[in-house]
Each structure stands twice: as C-alpha cells, then as structure tokens.
Amino acid sequence: MATENSGTLALLIDGDNASPKIVVGLMTEIANYGTASVKRIYGDWTGPNLKGWKECLLEHSIQPIQQFAYTTGKNATDGAMIIDAMDLLYTGRFSGFCIVSSDSDFARLAARIREQAVTVYGFGERKTPRPFIKACDKFVYFDVLSGQGAEMEGVVAHAPPKPAEAKPVAAKAAPKKTGLNKAARDMLIKAVVATADEDGRANLARVGDHLAKQAPDFDARNYGFPRLSDLVKASGLVTVERAADNHKTILVRLKEAAQ
C-alpha cells in the first residue's frame, strides 16, 4: 500500500503519554522521513492535564481529537487513536505512520500497519515496553528528540558535562566516549558480516538498515553520536573508507581483532 505516496505520513500522538516539550524535536525528526499530511493528538481536552498543549498545537497545526474518559482508570484515548489509524491505513494514502506513545497497547496496531507494507515510526520514553518498540520499523526515544541524551544500560551516553556544583567532594571527570556495550558491539559485528560482499566490505547504509531490523531503537544518538558513521569510527571495530566510484558512499570492513 501507499507505494505512490512515498514520504506521506500520518502523525498520531497519544496526548496522555507525551509532553509538548518534545514536539519541536519530533517535527524535525519526522521531516527526515517525509511529510506529515495528517497530524492529530488524542486526549480528554476538558481536563487540566493537557492545557500545556494549546500553543504548541496552534504553532504546528496539530489537530486535537476529543475523547472523553468514560470510566476512571480506563484509557479511551487508545481506542479512538487505534480506530482512526485503521481508517487512515485503509485509505492507502500513507507510506508511513508516526505513533507517539510509551504505551504497549499500540504494539498490535504497529504490527498490523506493517502487515500492509507500511512503515511504522515509534516515539516514546525509555520506559516504553519492548513489544511496542519491536513492533516498529524504527523507534526514537524522547530524550534524543530533545537533544538531552541519556544513559543506556551498560553504555555511556555522551552528553555534554554539566557545570560542576560547589561540593565538599572532588568533581568526577567527564566520562570518555567509550562506545558501545557488548550487546551493541555484537549487533554491529553481525550487521557488517551479514551485509558485506566477498572482499569483506559493507555499505554503511546497508549496515544501518540491518541494525534497524535487529533493534528498531538502535540509534547512534543514543550513544552520543550524531550519525552512524561517527559511531562506527569510534567503535574501533571497523576500518572506514569511501567507495572509489562514489565518494558519498561509506564502506566499512571488520578489523581482524573484531572477527
């Protein structure tokens, strides 16, 4: 579906699971994938919890969808968002859906959209359950959108050091960019091996695609690097070179020690 509408996206935001602070970064990120021709946010706008969204919605032309909470403790917003997503999917107008939520309830929705050969981009907090993350083609964390960075388990996220506060104890040195943890290093090695040609060279773009298939939330920015090329150079696992026939194409080859 949507093969004639490459780059046409539907943006659906779970207002109960997102903050207006991430919208600027969100819209910038989505522009990398295409144009959001539909932009909707769902929630109960009669309550006080979503007041902070008003100016943000006007500025970015995001349409608020009212959904009353029928009973306490039940989230009617999810149901309304899922129904709208399926209605939009069946129009065949979209090449991708951007689902903004940290709720595992959208895992099946993401999987169903992908069954129609439509790309799903997920956005949420670090606490987002793995089933939803894995159901997406690509998943981006909120703190990456805001440029804050974060520490992943076993990995140093290389955010700029905060100014030292006056304390009786000596300030710790800023962490070095030590690169990937073991799990991430193993994924990178497998991706290079899987995409390499007979001489051992792999196109970095294909490596990136393979990494996304292994882990939709694999993103160089999670490790403090703006691009995948910067991350692989710092990893020490590969040698990096430019293709002779096209200097824009980056090729990588595993070092002997990494094989």
Protein backbone atom coordinates (compact mmCIF):
# COMPACT_ATOMS: atom_id res chain seq x y z
CA MET A 1 0.00 0.00 0.00
CA ALA A 2 0.92 3.68 -0.38
CA THR A 3 3.59 2.93 -2.96
CA GLU A 4 2.53 6.01 -4.95
CA ASN A 5 2.66 8.20 -1.86
CA SER A 6 6.23 7.72 -0.72
CA GLY A 7 7.01 10.11 2.13
CA THR A 8 3.38 10.84 3.02
CA LEU A 9 2.97 10.26 6.76
CA ALA A 10 0.23 10.19 9.38
CA LEU A 11 1.24 11.52 12.79
CA LEU A 12 -0.85 10.24 15.72
CA ILE A 13 0.02 11.42 19.24
CA ASP A 14 -1.23 9.91 22.49
CA GLY A 15 -1.66 13.11 24.49
CA ASP A 16 -1.73 11.20 27.77
CA ASN A 17 1.74 9.78 27.10
CA ALA A 18 3.65 12.71 25.60
CA SER A 19 4.76 16.20 26.57
CA PRO A 20 4.57 19.34 24.41
CA LYS A 21 8.28 19.83 25.14
CA ILE A 22 9.19 17.16 22.59
CA VAL A 23 7.14 18.50 19.68
CA VAL A 24 9.81 20.72 18.08
CA GLY A 25 12.30 17.86 18.07
CA LEU A 26 9.57 15.45 16.97
CA MET A 27 8.60 17.50 13.93
CA THR A 28 12.26 17.93 12.97
CA GLU A 29 12.80 14.16 13.20
CA ILE A 30 9.68 13.35 11.19
CA ALA A 31 10.85 15.69 8.41
CA ASN A 32 13.72 13.21 7.85
CA TYR A 33 11.21 10.54 6.86
CA GLY A 34 8.65 12.51 4.87
CA THR A 35 5.76 14.96 5.24
CA ALA A 36 3.09 14.54 7.88
CA SER A 37 -0.08 15.38 5.96
CA VAL A 38 -2.22 14.25 8.89
CA LYS A 39 -1.29 15.45 12.40
CA ARG A 40 -3.60 14.51 15.26
CA ILE A 41 -3.34 14.34 19.03
CA TYR A 42 -5.79 12.43 21.22
CA GLY A 43 -6.93 13.12 24.76
CA ASP A 44 -9.62 14.49 27.05
CA TRP A 45 -9.30 18.22 26.45
CA THR A 46 -11.93 19.05 29.09
CA GLY A 47 -9.47 18.14 31.84
CA PRO A 48 -6.48 20.12 33.16
CA ASN A 49 -3.76 17.63 32.16
CA LEU A 50 -3.46 18.75 28.53
CA LYS A 51 -3.56 22.53 28.98
CA GLY A 52 0.11 22.91 28.11
CA TRP A 53 -0.53 21.69 24.57
CA LYS A 54 -2.66 24.62 23.31
CA GLU A 55 0.02 26.98 21.94
CA CYS A 56 2.05 24.06 20.66
CA LEU A 57 -0.86 22.69 18.64
CA LEU A 58 -1.58 26.04 17.04
CA GLU A 59 2.05 26.58 16.09
CA HIS A 60 2.47 23.17 14.47
CA SER A 61 -1.05 22.79 13.07
CA ILE A 62 -1.79 19.62 15.04
CA GLN A 63 -5.48 18.76 15.29
CA PRO A 64 -6.73 17.90 18.79
CA ILE A 65 -9.19 15.00 18.91
CA GLN A 66 -11.53 14.99 21.89
CA GLN A 67 -12.05 11.69 23.67
CA PHE A 68 -13.89 11.67 26.98
CA ALA A 69 -12.73 9.31 29.70
CA TYR A 70 -15.78 7.09 30.14
CA THR A 71 -14.68 5.45 33.38
CA THR A 72 -11.92 6.02 35.92
CA GLY A 73 -8.77 4.01 35.27
CA LYS A 74 -9.66 3.19 31.66
CA ASN A 75 -7.96 4.91 28.74
CA ALA A 76 -10.50 5.58 25.98
CA THR A 77 -7.88 7.63 24.11
CA ASP A 78 -6.06 4.50 22.93
CA GLY A 79 -9.19 3.05 21.37
CA ALA A 80 -10.02 6.24 19.47
CA MET A 81 -6.45 6.53 18.20
CA ILE A 82 -6.39 2.91 17.02
CA ILE A 83 -9.71 3.25 15.18
CA ASP A 84 -8.53 6.40 13.39
CA ALA A 85 -5.22 4.75 12.50
CA MET A 86 -7.02 1.84 10.83
CA ASP A 87 -9.35 4.19 8.96
CA LEU A 88 -6.34 6.12 7.65
CA LEU A 89 -4.48 2.92 6.80
CA TYR A 90 -7.31 1.67 4.57
CA THR A 91 -7.27 4.86 2.51
CA GLY A 92 -3.92 3.71 1.08
CA ARG A 93 -2.66 7.30 1.13
CA PHE A 94 0.25 6.86 3.54
CA SER A 95 3.71 5.36 3.24
CA GLY A 96 4.28 5.58 6.98
CA PHE A 97 2.68 6.14 10.39
CA CYS A 98 4.31 8.02 13.28
CA ILE A 99 2.91 6.76 16.58
CA VAL A 100 3.85 8.84 19.59
CA SER A 101 3.27 6.98 22.84
CA SER A 102 5.02 4.92 25.51
CA ASP A 103 2.06 2.57 25.83
CA SER A 104 2.37 -1.12 24.95
CA ASP A 105 -1.28 -1.11 23.84
CA PHE A 106 -0.10 0.14 20.44
CA ALA A 107 2.14 -2.87 19.76
CA ARG A 108 -0.57 -4.74 17.89
CA LEU A 109 -1.54 -1.60 15.94
CA ALA A 110 2.06 -1.13 14.80
CA ALA A 111 2.31 -4.78 13.78
CA ARG A 112 -0.98 -4.59 11.85
CA ILE A 113 0.13 -1.48 9.94
CA ARG A 114 3.39 -3.18 8.97
CA GLU A 115 1.42 -6.15 7.65
CA GLN A 116 0.17 -3.77 4.96
CA ALA A 117 3.79 -2.95 3.96
CA VAL A 118 3.52 0.49 5.55
CA THR A 119 6.41 1.78 7.68
CA VAL A 120 5.88 2.49 11.37
CA TYR A 121 7.98 5.05 13.26
CA GLY A 122 7.53 4.92 17.03
CA PHE A 123 8.40 7.63 19.53
CA GLY A 124 8.34 7.25 23.31
CA GLU A 125 10.10 7.30 26.66
CA ARG A 126 12.90 4.97 27.74
CA LYS A 127 10.34 3.04 29.79
CA THR A 128 8.41 2.06 26.64
CA PRO A 129 7.76 -1.72 26.74
CA ARG A 130 9.84 -3.78 24.31
CA PRO A 131 6.82 -5.28 22.49
CA PHE A 132 5.86 -1.85 21.13
CA ILE A 133 9.46 -0.97 20.26
CA LYS A 134 10.00 -4.24 18.41
CA ALA A 135 6.72 -3.84 16.53
CA CYS A 136 8.01 -0.64 14.89
CA ASP A 137 10.38 -0.31 11.94
CA LYS A 138 12.22 2.44 13.82
CA PHE A 139 11.84 3.70 17.38
CA VAL A 140 13.21 7.01 18.69
CA TYR A 141 13.36 7.99 22.36
CA PHE A 142 12.02 11.36 23.53
CA ASP A 143 15.30 12.41 25.13
CA VAL A 144 17.05 12.01 21.77
CA LEU A 145 14.49 14.36 20.21
CA SER A 146 15.13 16.99 22.85
CA GLY A 147 18.87 16.61 22.44
CA GLN A 148 19.40 15.76 26.09
CA GLY A 149 20.83 12.26 25.59
CA ALA A 150 20.53 9.53 28.22
CA GLU A 151 22.42 6.64 29.70
CA MET A 152 21.52 3.27 28.30
CA GLU A 153 22.27 0.16 30.30
CA GLY A 154 25.99 -0.54 30.14
CA VAL A 155 26.61 2.36 27.73
CA VAL A 156 27.92 5.85 28.31
CA ALA A 157 25.60 8.38 26.66
CA HIS A 158 27.94 11.16 25.76
CA ALA A 159 26.02 14.25 26.79
CA PRO A 160 27.96 17.46 27.44
CA PRO A 161 29.05 17.59 31.10
CA LYS A 162 27.02 19.82 33.40
CA PRO A 163 28.76 22.68 35.17
CA ALA A 164 30.34 21.46 38.39
CA GLU A 165 28.45 22.36 41.55
CA ALA A 166 30.18 23.52 44.70
CA LYS A 167 30.50 20.40 46.84
CA PRO A 168 32.95 19.30 49.52
CA VAL A 169 33.94 16.27 47.42
CA ALA A 170 36.04 16.46 44.29
CA ALA A 171 34.15 16.57 41.00
CA LYS A 172 34.34 13.42 38.88
CA ALA A 173 35.96 13.59 35.48
CA ALA A 174 33.64 13.66 32.49
CA PRO A 175 33.10 10.17 31.05
CA LYS A 176 35.01 9.32 27.91
CA LYS A 177 33.34 8.22 24.71
CA THR A 178 33.94 4.55 25.24
CA GLY A 179 31.47 3.49 22.56
CA LEU A 180 29.12 0.53 22.56
CA ASN A 181 28.32 -2.06 25.18
CA LYS A 182 28.82 -5.74 24.38
CA ALA A 183 25.31 -6.33 23.06
CA ALA A 184 25.53 -3.34 20.73
CA ARG A 185 29.03 -4.31 19.58
CA ASP A 186 27.79 -7.80 18.75
CA MET A 187 24.89 -6.36 16.75
CA LEU A 188 27.23 -4.12 14.79
CA ILE A 189 29.59 -7.01 14.00
CA LYS A 190 26.70 -9.22 12.85
CA ALA A 191 25.31 -6.41 10.69
CA VAL A 192 28.65 -5.88 8.94
CA VAL A 193 29.13 -9.63 8.37
CA ALA A 194 25.58 -10.04 7.03
CA THR A 195 25.84 -7.17 4.53
CA ALA A 196 29.49 -7.50 3.43
CA ASP A 197 30.45 -8.52 -0.09
CA GLU A 198 33.08 -11.15 -0.94
CA ASP A 199 36.02 -8.90 -0.06
CA GLY A 200 34.59 -8.12 3.37
CA ARG A 201 33.46 -4.56 2.64
CA ALA A 202 29.94 -3.50 3.61
CA ASN A 203 27.99 -0.41 2.56
CA LEU A 204 27.33 1.55 5.76
CA ALA A 205 23.76 2.34 4.65
CA ARG A 206 23.01 -1.37 4.39
CA VAL A 207 24.64 -1.93 7.78
CA GLY A 208 22.33 0.70 9.25
CA ASP A 209 19.27 -0.98 7.70
CA HIS A 210 20.34 -4.33 9.14
CA LEU A 211 20.85 -2.81 12.60
CA ALA A 212 17.34 -1.32 12.48
CA LYS A 213 15.94 -4.76 11.71
CA GLN A 214 17.78 -6.24 14.70
CA ALA A 215 16.75 -3.45 17.07
CA PRO A 216 14.34 -0.69 15.94
CA ASP A 217 15.65 1.56 18.73
CA PHE A 218 19.30 1.29 17.67
CA ASP A 219 20.26 4.90 17.07
CA ALA A 220 23.73 6.49 17.04
CA ARG A 221 22.31 9.40 19.06
CA ASN A 222 21.62 7.06 21.96
CA TYR A 223 25.39 6.73 22.31
CA GLY A 224 26.18 10.41 21.90
CA PHE A 225 26.99 10.44 18.18
CA PRO A 226 25.05 12.43 15.56
CA ARG A 227 25.50 9.87 12.77
CA LEU A 228 26.11 6.15 12.38
CA SER A 229 29.38 6.87 10.57
CA ASP A 230 30.70 8.68 13.65
CA LEU A 231 29.65 5.80 15.87
CA VAL A 232 31.32 3.06 13.82
CA LYS A 233 34.53 5.06 13.57
CA ALA A 234 34.63 5.46 17.35
CA SER A 235 33.77 1.81 17.96
CA GLY A 236 37.23 0.62 16.86
CA LEU A 237 35.66 -2.43 15.26
CA VAL A 238 35.94 -1.43 11.62
CA THR A 239 38.04 0.41 9.10
CA VAL A 240 36.17 3.10 7.19
CA GLU A 241 36.74 4.20 3.61
CA ARG A 242 34.97 5.90 0.73
CA ALA A 243 33.87 3.99 -2.38
CA ALA A 244 36.14 4.65 -5.35
CA ASP A 245 33.23 5.24 -7.74
CA ASN A 246 31.17 7.36 -5.35
CA HIS A 247 32.81 9.29 -2.53
CA LYS A 248 29.46 9.77 -0.80
CA THR A 249 29.21 6.03 -0.21
CA ILE A 250 30.89 4.87 3.00
CA LEU A 251 32.29 1.34 3.19
CA VAL A 252 33.29 -0.48 6.36
CA ARG A 253 35.32 -3.64 6.94
CA LEU A 254 35.73 -5.53 10.21
CA LYS A 255 39.19 -5.39 11.73
CA GLU A 256 40.81 -8.76 12.35
CA ALA A 257 40.52 -8.35 16.10
CA ALA A 258 36.75 -7.97 15.80
CA GLN A 259 36.23 -11.06 13.64
